[in-house]
Amino acid sequence: MRIRVRGGGSSNQIFAIRQAMAKALLAYYQKFEDEQSKRELKDLFLQYDRNLLVSDYRRCEPKKFGGKGARSRFQKSYR
């Protein structure tokens, strides 16, 4: 099995590899094995860790005007 990852940090790449392997196993079971064993494997994955099948939806918030980052603002000066 060959998995390539790009971007993010090293720990996030490891999580991406774990998720890709779990999804690949489920796809293999769906294609070549029966539906019952696939359902059992999916339940096992969900019981162990939900993030094996469901990705983390949080993304980097885009920068906006008026500040250095997404939420920070430039300091206001009255004089």
C-alpha atoms as a PDB file:
ATOM      1  CA  MET A   1       0.000   0.000   0.000  1.00  0.00           C
ATOM      2  CA  ARG A   2       1.480   3.338  -1.032  1.00  0.00           C
ATOM      3  CA  ILE A   3       0.122   6.577   0.428  1.00  0.00           C
ATOM      4  CA  ARG A   4       1.431  10.052  -0.378  1.00  0.00           C
ATOM      5  CA  VAL A   5       0.652  13.063   1.779  1.00  0.00           C
ATOM      6  CA  ARG A   6       1.425  16.736   1.269  1.00  0.00           C
ATOM      7  CA  GLY A   7       1.043  19.801   3.422  1.00  0.00           C
ATOM      8  CA  GLY A   8       0.246  20.160   7.099  1.00  0.00           C
ATOM      9  CA  GLY A   9       2.444  19.083   9.950  1.00  0.00           C
ATOM     10  CA  SER A  10       3.878  15.654  10.610  1.00  0.00           C
ATOM     11  CA  SER A  11       1.179  14.613  13.092  1.00  0.00           C
ATOM     12  CA  ASN A  12      -1.599  15.699  10.726  1.00  0.00           C
ATOM     13  CA  GLN A  13       0.029  13.693   7.958  1.00  0.00           C
ATOM     14  CA  ILE A  14      -0.003  10.642  10.224  1.00  0.00           C
ATOM     15  CA  PHE A  15      -3.722  11.168  10.876  1.00  0.00           C
ATOM     16  CA  ALA A  16      -4.291  11.451   7.120  1.00  0.00           C
ATOM     17  CA  ILE A  17      -2.444   8.168   6.537  1.00  0.00           C
ATOM     18  CA  ARG A  18      -4.501   6.421   9.235  1.00  0.00           C
ATOM     19  CA  GLN A  19      -7.720   7.675   7.675  1.00  0.00           C
ATOM     20  CA  ALA A  20      -6.646   6.680   4.151  1.00  0.00           C
ATOM     21  CA  MET A  21      -5.759   3.154   5.288  1.00  0.00           C
ATOM     22  CA  ALA A  22      -9.077   2.713   7.103  1.00  0.00           C
ATOM     23  CA  LYS A  23     -11.059   3.968   4.118  1.00  0.00           C
ATOM     24  CA  ALA A  24      -9.072   1.729   1.767  1.00  0.00           C
ATOM     25  CA  LEU A  25      -9.817  -1.321   3.926  1.00  0.00           C
ATOM     26  CA  LEU A  26     -13.516  -0.472   3.916  1.00  0.00           C
ATOM     27  CA  ALA A  27     -13.487  -0.018   0.133  1.00  0.00           C
ATOM     28  CA  TYR A  28     -11.753  -3.402  -0.263  1.00  0.00           C
ATOM     29  CA  TYR A  29     -14.300  -5.118   1.979  1.00  0.00           C
ATOM     30  CA  GLN A  30     -17.150  -3.489   0.072  1.00  0.00           C
ATOM     31  CA  LYS A  31     -15.809  -4.620  -3.295  1.00  0.00           C
ATOM     32  CA  PHE A  32     -14.400  -8.090  -2.575  1.00  0.00           C
ATOM     33  CA  GLU A  33     -16.009  -9.267   0.689  1.00  0.00           C
ATOM     34  CA  ASP A  34     -19.601  -9.460   1.866  1.00  0.00           C
ATOM     35  CA  GLU A  35     -21.588  -6.533   3.248  1.00  0.00           C
ATOM     36  CA  GLN A  36     -21.843  -8.021   6.758  1.00  0.00           C
ATOM     37  CA  SER A  37     -18.074  -8.153   7.312  1.00  0.00           C
ATOM     38  CA  LYS A  38     -17.729  -4.612   5.952  1.00  0.00           C
ATOM     39  CA  ARG A  39     -20.368  -3.382   8.398  1.00  0.00           C
ATOM     40  CA  GLU A  40     -18.605  -5.151  11.288  1.00  0.00           C
ATOM     41  CA  LEU A  41     -15.273  -3.562  10.332  1.00  0.00           C
ATOM     42  CA  LYS A  42     -16.887  -0.133  10.058  1.00  0.00           C
ATOM     43  CA  ASP A  43     -18.460  -0.509  13.497  1.00  0.00           C
ATOM     44  CA  LEU A  44     -15.073  -1.549  14.890  1.00  0.00           C
ATOM     45  CA  PHE A  45     -13.406   1.532  13.399  1.00  0.00           C
ATOM     46  CA  LEU A  46     -16.121   3.830  14.746  1.00  0.00           C
ATOM     47  CA  GLN A  47     -15.877   2.247  18.175  1.00  0.00           C
ATOM     48  CA  TYR A  48     -12.084   2.644  18.247  1.00  0.00           C
ATOM     49  CA  ASP A  49     -11.824   6.172  16.823  1.00  0.00           C
ATOM     50  CA  ARG A  50     -14.396   8.132  14.851  1.00  0.00           C
ATOM     51  CA  ASN A  51     -11.682  10.152  13.087  1.00  0.00           C
ATOM     52  CA  LEU A  52     -10.591   7.037  11.190  1.00  0.00           C
ATOM     53  CA  LEU A  53     -13.607   7.456   8.909  1.00  0.00           C
ATOM     54  CA  VAL A  54     -14.743  11.062   9.404  1.00  0.00           C
ATOM     55  CA  SER A  55     -12.280  13.827   8.593  1.00  0.00           C
ATOM     56  CA  ASP A  56     -11.699  16.892  10.749  1.00  0.00           C
ATOM     57  CA  TYR A  57     -13.654  19.704   9.129  1.00  0.00           C
ATOM     58  CA  ARG A  58     -11.663  22.554  10.726  1.00  0.00           C
ATOM     59  CA  ARG A  59      -9.658  24.565   8.212  1.00  0.00           C
ATOM     60  CA  CYS A  60      -7.439  27.621   8.379  1.00  0.00           C
ATOM     61  CA  GLU A  61      -9.489  30.798   8.450  1.00  0.00           C
ATOM     62  CA  PRO A  62      -8.601  33.275   5.671  1.00  0.00           C
ATOM     63  CA  LYS A  63      -6.947  36.599   6.474  1.00  0.00           C
ATOM     64  CA  LYS A  64      -9.153  39.682   6.419  1.00  0.00           C
ATOM     65  CA  PHE A  65      -8.341  43.360   5.993  1.00  0.00           C
ATOM     66  CA  GLY A  66      -7.590  45.646   8.949  1.00  0.00           C
ATOM     67  CA  GLY A  67      -5.246  43.319  10.784  1.00  0.00           C
ATOM     68  CA  LYS A  68      -2.300  40.945  10.724  1.00  0.00           C
ATOM     69  CA  GLY A  69      -4.326  37.731  10.633  1.00  0.00           C
ATOM     70  CA  ALA A  70      -7.846  36.373  10.465  1.00  0.00           C
ATOM     71  CA  ARG A  71      -9.104  37.803  13.749  1.00  0.00           C
ATOM     72  CA  SER A  72      -6.407  40.160  15.059  1.00  0.00           C
ATOM     73  CA  ARG A  73      -6.764  43.868  14.356  1.00  0.00           C
ATOM     74  CA  PHE A  74      -4.199  46.637  14.129  1.00  0.00           C
ATOM     75  CA  GLN A  75      -3.892  48.661  17.338  1.00  0.00           C
ATOM     76  CA  LYS A  76      -6.052  51.757  17.364  1.00  0.00           C
ATOM     77  CA  SER A  77      -4.348  55.093  18.023  1.00  0.00           C
ATOM     78  CA  TYR A  78      -6.287  58.156  19.191  1.00  0.00           C
ATOM     79  CA  ARG A  79      -3.387  60.665  18.880  1.00  0.00           C
END
